[in-house]
Amino acid sequence: MIEIATQFLPILFMLVLVAFVIFIVFFLSGHFNRTKRIEEKLDKALREIAEKKEK
């Protein structure tokens, strides 16, 4: 039983590592999409303010 566990331990570790990396990539991509949307809203608001000042 111990031999089987030691055989599958590296494979299990690799699977956990891969799952962790995929989770981080998805988390970061979602975070960057959110900040990009916030930047777009800020740009739009600043443009509107600038247009109002010009008038």
PDB file of N, CA and C in Angstrom:
ATOM      1  N   MET A   1       0.827  -1.206   0.000  1.00  0.00           N
ATOM      2  CA  MET A   1       0.000   0.000   0.000  1.00  0.00           C
ATOM      3  C   MET A   1       0.867   1.264   0.000  1.00  0.00           C
ATOM      4  N   ILE A   2       1.934   1.255   0.790  1.00  0.00           N
ATOM      5  CA  ILE A   2       2.819   2.423   0.867  1.00  0.00           C
ATOM      6  C   ILE A   2       3.523   2.645  -0.473  1.00  0.00           C
ATOM      7  N   GLU A   3       3.890   1.541  -1.163  1.00  0.00           N
ATOM      8  CA  GLU A   3       4.564   1.673  -2.460  1.00  0.00           C
ATOM      9  C   GLU A   3       3.658   2.370  -3.479  1.00  0.00           C
ATOM     10  N   ILE A   4       2.372   2.021  -3.462  1.00  0.00           N
ATOM     11  CA  ILE A   4       1.418   2.639  -4.397  1.00  0.00           C
ATOM     12  C   ILE A   4       1.286   4.133  -4.087  1.00  0.00           C
ATOM     13  N   ALA A   5       1.208   4.461  -2.819  1.00  0.00           N
ATOM     14  CA  ALA A   5       1.068   5.865  -2.416  1.00  0.00           C
ATOM     15  C   ALA A   5       2.289   6.662  -2.837  1.00  0.00           C
ATOM     16  N   THR A   6       3.485   6.105  -2.676  1.00  0.00           N
ATOM     17  CA  THR A   6       4.701   6.836  -3.060  1.00  0.00           C
ATOM     18  C   THR A   6       4.823   6.931  -4.568  1.00  0.00           C
ATOM     19  N   GLN A   7       4.237   5.990  -5.320  1.00  0.00           N
ATOM     20  CA  GLN A   7       4.262   6.077  -6.783  1.00  0.00           C
ATOM     21  C   GLN A   7       3.386   7.220  -7.275  1.00  0.00           C
ATOM     22  N   PHE A   8       2.220   7.383  -6.672  1.00  0.00           N
ATOM     23  CA  PHE A   8       1.267   8.383  -7.151  1.00  0.00           C
ATOM     24  C   PHE A   8       1.470   9.758  -6.526  1.00  0.00           C
ATOM     25  N   LEU A   9       2.325   9.857  -5.542  1.00  0.00           N
ATOM     26  CA  LEU A   9       2.546  11.144  -4.871  1.00  0.00           C
ATOM     27  C   LEU A   9       3.075  12.219  -5.825  1.00  0.00           C
ATOM     28  N   PRO A  10       4.130  11.943  -6.618  1.00  0.00           N
ATOM     29  CA  PRO A  10       4.603  12.983  -7.551  1.00  0.00           C
ATOM     30  C   PRO A  10       3.547  13.371  -8.583  1.00  0.00           C
ATOM     31  N   ILE A  11       2.769  12.402  -9.074  1.00  0.00           N
ATOM     32  CA  ILE A  11       1.722  12.696 -10.043  1.00  0.00           C
ATOM     33  C   ILE A  11       0.650  13.574  -9.403  1.00  0.00           C
ATOM     34  N   LEU A  12       0.279  13.231  -8.189  1.00  0.00           N
ATOM     35  CA  LEU A  12      -0.717  14.013  -7.462  1.00  0.00           C
ATOM     36  C   LEU A  12      -0.218  15.439  -7.219  1.00  0.00           C
ATOM     37  N   PHE A  13       1.045  15.547  -6.836  1.00  0.00           N
ATOM     38  CA  PHE A  13       1.655  16.861  -6.601  1.00  0.00           C
ATOM     39  C   PHE A  13       1.639  17.695  -7.872  1.00  0.00           C
ATOM     40  N   MET A  14       1.974  17.080  -9.014  1.00  0.00           N
ATOM     41  CA  MET A  14       1.974  17.793 -10.289  1.00  0.00           C
ATOM     42  C   MET A  14       0.563  18.257 -10.649  1.00  0.00           C
ATOM     43  N   LEU A  15      -0.430  17.409 -10.429  1.00  0.00           N
ATOM     44  CA  LEU A  15      -1.813  17.783 -10.734  1.00  0.00           C
ATOM     45  C   LEU A  15      -2.263  18.969  -9.878  1.00  0.00           C
ATOM     46  N   VAL A  16      -1.923  18.937  -8.612  1.00  0.00           N
ATOM     47  CA  VAL A  16      -2.276  20.050  -7.722  1.00  0.00           C
ATOM     48  C   VAL A  16      -1.573  21.327  -8.169  1.00  0.00           C
ATOM     49  N   LEU A  17      -0.305  21.196  -8.541  1.00  0.00           N
ATOM     50  CA  LEU A  17       0.464  22.352  -9.007  1.00  0.00           C
ATOM     51  C   LEU A  17      -0.144  22.949 -10.273  1.00  0.00           C
ATOM     52  N   VAL A  18      -0.495  22.096 -11.222  1.00  0.00           N
ATOM     53  CA  VAL A  18      -1.100  22.561 -12.478  1.00  0.00           C
ATOM     54  C   VAL A  18      -2.440  23.245 -12.201  1.00  0.00           C
ATOM     55  N   ALA A  19      -3.253  22.646 -11.343  1.00  0.00           N
ATOM     56  CA  ALA A  19      -4.544  23.244 -11.001  1.00  0.00           C
ATOM     57  C   ALA A  19      -4.345  24.611 -10.347  1.00  0.00           C
ATOM     58  N   PHE A  20      -3.355  24.730  -9.489  1.00  0.00           N
ATOM     59  CA  PHE A  20      -3.055  25.991  -8.815  1.00  0.00           C
ATOM     60  C   PHE A  20      -2.631  27.066  -9.815  1.00  0.00           C
ATOM     61  N   VAL A  21      -1.761  26.692 -10.761  1.00  0.00           N
ATOM     62  CA  VAL A  21      -1.293  27.644 -11.784  1.00  0.00           C
ATOM     63  C   VAL A  21      -2.457  28.103 -12.658  1.00  0.00           C
ATOM     64  N   ILE A  22      -3.316  27.155 -13.068  1.00  0.00           N
ATOM     65  CA  ILE A  22      -4.475  27.522 -13.896  1.00  0.00           C
ATOM     66  C   ILE A  22      -5.389  28.472 -13.120  1.00  0.00           C
ATOM     67  N   PHE A  23      -5.602  28.206 -11.834  1.00  0.00           N
ATOM     68  CA  PHE A  23      -6.442  29.077 -11.007  1.00  0.00           C
ATOM     69  C   PHE A  23      -5.855  30.491 -10.938  1.00  0.00           C
ATOM     70  N   ILE A  24      -4.546  30.587 -10.737  1.00  0.00           N
ATOM     71  CA  ILE A  24      -3.895  31.903 -10.654  1.00  0.00           C
ATOM     72  C   ILE A  24      -4.042  32.656 -11.973  1.00  0.00           C
ATOM     73  N   VAL A  25      -3.844  31.951 -13.097  1.00  0.00           N
ATOM     74  CA  VAL A  25      -3.960  32.602 -14.413  1.00  0.00           C
ATOM     75  C   VAL A  25      -5.376  33.139 -14.621  1.00  0.00           C
ATOM     76  N   PHE A  26      -6.396  32.337 -14.300  1.00  0.00           N
ATOM     77  CA  PHE A  26      -7.777  32.796 -14.448  1.00  0.00           C
ATOM     78  C   PHE A  26      -8.069  33.959 -13.514  1.00  0.00           C
ATOM     79  N   PHE A  27      -7.578  33.887 -12.291  1.00  0.00           N
ATOM     80  CA  PHE A  27      -7.812  34.943 -11.314  1.00  0.00           C
ATOM     81  C   PHE A  27      -7.198  36.261 -11.786  1.00  0.00           C
ATOM     82  N   LEU A  28      -5.951  36.197 -12.269  1.00  0.00           N
ATOM     83  CA  LEU A  28      -5.272  37.408 -12.721  1.00  0.00           C
ATOM     84  C   LEU A  28      -5.922  37.981 -13.970  1.00  0.00           C
ATOM     85  N   SER A  29      -6.335  37.129 -14.908  1.00  0.00           N
ATOM     86  CA  SER A  29      -6.972  37.633 -16.123  1.00  0.00           C
ATOM     87  C   SER A  29      -8.286  38.331 -15.774  1.00  0.00           C
ATOM     88  N   GLY A  30      -9.032  37.769 -14.842  1.00  0.00           N
ATOM     89  CA  GLY A  30     -10.263  38.419 -14.406  1.00  0.00           C
ATOM     90  C   GLY A  30      -9.982  39.749 -13.733  1.00  0.00           C
ATOM     91  N   HIS A  31      -8.925  39.799 -12.946  1.00  0.00           N
ATOM     92  CA  HIS A  31      -8.546  41.030 -12.254  1.00  0.00           C
ATOM     93  C   HIS A  31      -8.170  42.113 -13.258  1.00  0.00           C
ATOM     94  N   PHE A  32      -7.363  41.741 -14.295  1.00  0.00           N
ATOM     95  CA  PHE A  32      -6.949  42.730 -15.286  1.00  0.00           C
ATOM     96  C   PHE A  32      -8.133  43.208 -16.121  1.00  0.00           C
ATOM     97  N   ASN A  33      -9.076  42.328 -16.424  1.00  0.00           N
ATOM     98  CA  ASN A  33     -10.275  42.750 -17.154  1.00  0.00           C
ATOM     99  C   ASN A  33     -11.065  43.760 -16.336  1.00  0.00           C
ATOM    100  N   ARG A  34     -11.148  43.532 -15.029  1.00  0.00           N
ATOM    101  CA  ARG A  34     -11.879  44.450 -14.163  1.00  0.00           C
ATOM    102  C   ARG A  34     -11.206  45.821 -14.142  1.00  0.00           C
ATOM    103  N   THR A  35      -9.877  45.860 -13.997  1.00  0.00           N
ATOM    104  CA  THR A  35      -9.178  47.143 -13.945  1.00  0.00           C
ATOM    105  C   THR A  35      -9.257  47.848 -15.292  1.00  0.00           C
ATOM    106  N   LYS A  36      -9.269  47.083 -16.375  1.00  0.00           N
ATOM    107  CA  LYS A  36      -9.377  47.696 -17.699  1.00  0.00           C
ATOM    108  C   LYS A  36     -10.729  48.390 -17.843  1.00  0.00           C
ATOM    109  N   ARG A  37     -11.784  47.722 -17.382  1.00  0.00           N
ATOM    110  CA  ARG A  37     -13.124  48.322 -17.455  1.00  0.00           C
ATOM    111  C   ARG A  37     -13.188  49.591 -16.600  1.00  0.00           C
ATOM    112  N   ILE A  38     -12.568  49.566 -15.431  1.00  0.00           N
ATOM    113  CA  ILE A  38     -12.554  50.751 -14.563  1.00  0.00           C
ATOM    114  C   ILE A  38     -11.818  51.897 -15.259  1.00  0.00           C
ATOM    115  N   GLU A  39     -10.691  51.565 -15.927  1.00  0.00           N
ATOM    116  CA  GLU A  39      -9.938  52.593 -16.656  1.00  0.00           C
ATOM    117  C   GLU A  39     -10.787  53.201 -17.768  1.00  0.00           C
ATOM    118  N   GLU A  40     -11.525  52.351 -18.494  1.00  0.00           N
ATOM    119  CA  GLU A  40     -12.375  52.855 -19.575  1.00  0.00           C
ATOM    120  C   GLU A  40     -13.445  53.792 -19.027  1.00  0.00           C
ATOM    121  N   LYS A  41     -14.041  53.435 -17.888  1.00  0.00           N
ATOM    122  CA  LYS A  41     -15.063  54.301 -17.284  1.00  0.00           C
ATOM    123  C   LYS A  41     -14.452  55.632 -16.854  1.00  0.00           C
ATOM    124  N   LEU A  42     -13.249  55.569 -16.281  1.00  0.00           N
ATOM    125  CA  LEU A  42     -12.568  56.800 -15.864  1.00  0.00           C
ATOM    126  C   LEU A  42     -12.278  57.689 -17.066  1.00  0.00           C
ATOM    127  N   ASP A  43     -11.757  57.086 -18.151  1.00  0.00           N
ATOM    128  CA  ASP A  43     -11.465  57.857 -19.369  1.00  0.00           C
ATOM    129  C   ASP A  43     -12.724  58.523 -19.901  1.00  0.00           C
ATOM    130  N   LYS A  44     -13.809  57.776 -19.926  1.00  0.00           N
ATOM    131  CA  LYS A  44     -15.071  58.325 -20.427  1.00  0.00           C
ATOM    132  C   LYS A  44     -15.522  59.498 -19.561  1.00  0.00           C
ATOM    133  N   ALA A  45     -15.447  59.344 -18.249  1.00  0.00           N
ATOM    134  CA  ALA A  45     -15.865  60.408 -17.337  1.00  0.00           C
ATOM    135  C   ALA A  45     -14.982  61.647 -17.506  1.00  0.00           C
ATOM    136  N   LEU A  46     -13.681  61.433 -17.639  1.00  0.00           N
ATOM    137  CA  LEU A  46     -12.759  62.567 -17.810  1.00  0.00           C
ATOM    138  C   LEU A  46     -13.025  63.288 -19.130  1.00  0.00           C
ATOM    139  N   ARG A  47     -13.311  62.515 -20.194  1.00  0.00           N
ATOM    140  CA  ARG A  47     -13.619  63.133 -21.488  1.00  0.00           C
ATOM    141  C   ARG A  47     -14.883  63.978 -21.390  1.00  0.00           C
ATOM    142  N   GLU A  48     -15.890  63.463 -20.700  1.00  0.00           N
ATOM    143  CA  GLU A  48     -17.139  64.224 -20.535  1.00  0.00           C
ATOM    144  C   GLU A  48     -16.900  65.501 -19.762  1.00  0.00           C
ATOM    145  N   ILE A  49     -16.081  65.435 -18.726  1.00  0.00           N
ATOM    146  CA  ILE A  49     -15.769  66.639 -17.936  1.00  0.00           C
ATOM    147  C   ILE A  49     -15.027  67.658 -18.807  1.00  0.00           C
ATOM    148  N   ALA A  50     -14.084  67.166 -19.603  1.00  0.00           N
ATOM    149  CA  ALA A  50     -13.327  68.069 -20.487  1.00  0.00           C
ATOM    150  C   ALA A  50     -14.250  68.723 -21.510  1.00  0.00           C
ATOM    151  N   GLU A  51     -15.204  67.961 -22.046  1.00  0.00           N
ATOM    152  CA  GLU A  51     -16.140  68.529 -23.016  1.00  0.00           C
ATOM    153  C   GLU A  51     -17.004  69.606 -22.368  1.00  0.00           C
ATOM    154  N   LYS A  52     -17.423  69.388 -21.130  1.00  0.00           N
ATOM    155  CA  LYS A  52     -18.240  70.372 -20.436  1.00  0.00           C
ATOM    156  C   LYS A  52     -17.456  71.649 -20.175  1.00  0.00           C
ATOM    157  N   LYS A  53     -16.164  71.522 -19.874  1.00  0.00           N
ATOM    158  CA  LYS A  53     -15.334  72.711 -19.618  1.00  0.00           C
ATOM    159  C   LYS A  53     -15.125  73.516 -20.892  1.00  0.00           C
ATOM    160  N   GLU A  54     -15.042  72.820 -22.038  1.00  0.00           N
ATOM    161  CA  GLU A  54     -14.823  73.506 -23.307  1.00  0.00           C
ATOM    162  C   GLU A  54     -16.033  74.366 -23.694  1.00  0.00           C
ATOM    163  N   LYS A  55     -17.221  73.925 -23.292  1.00  0.00           N
ATOM    164  CA  LYS A  55     -18.449  74.664 -23.667  1.00  0.00           C
ATOM    165  C   LYS A  55     -18.641  75.897 -22.864  1.00  0.00           C
TER     166      LYS A  55
END
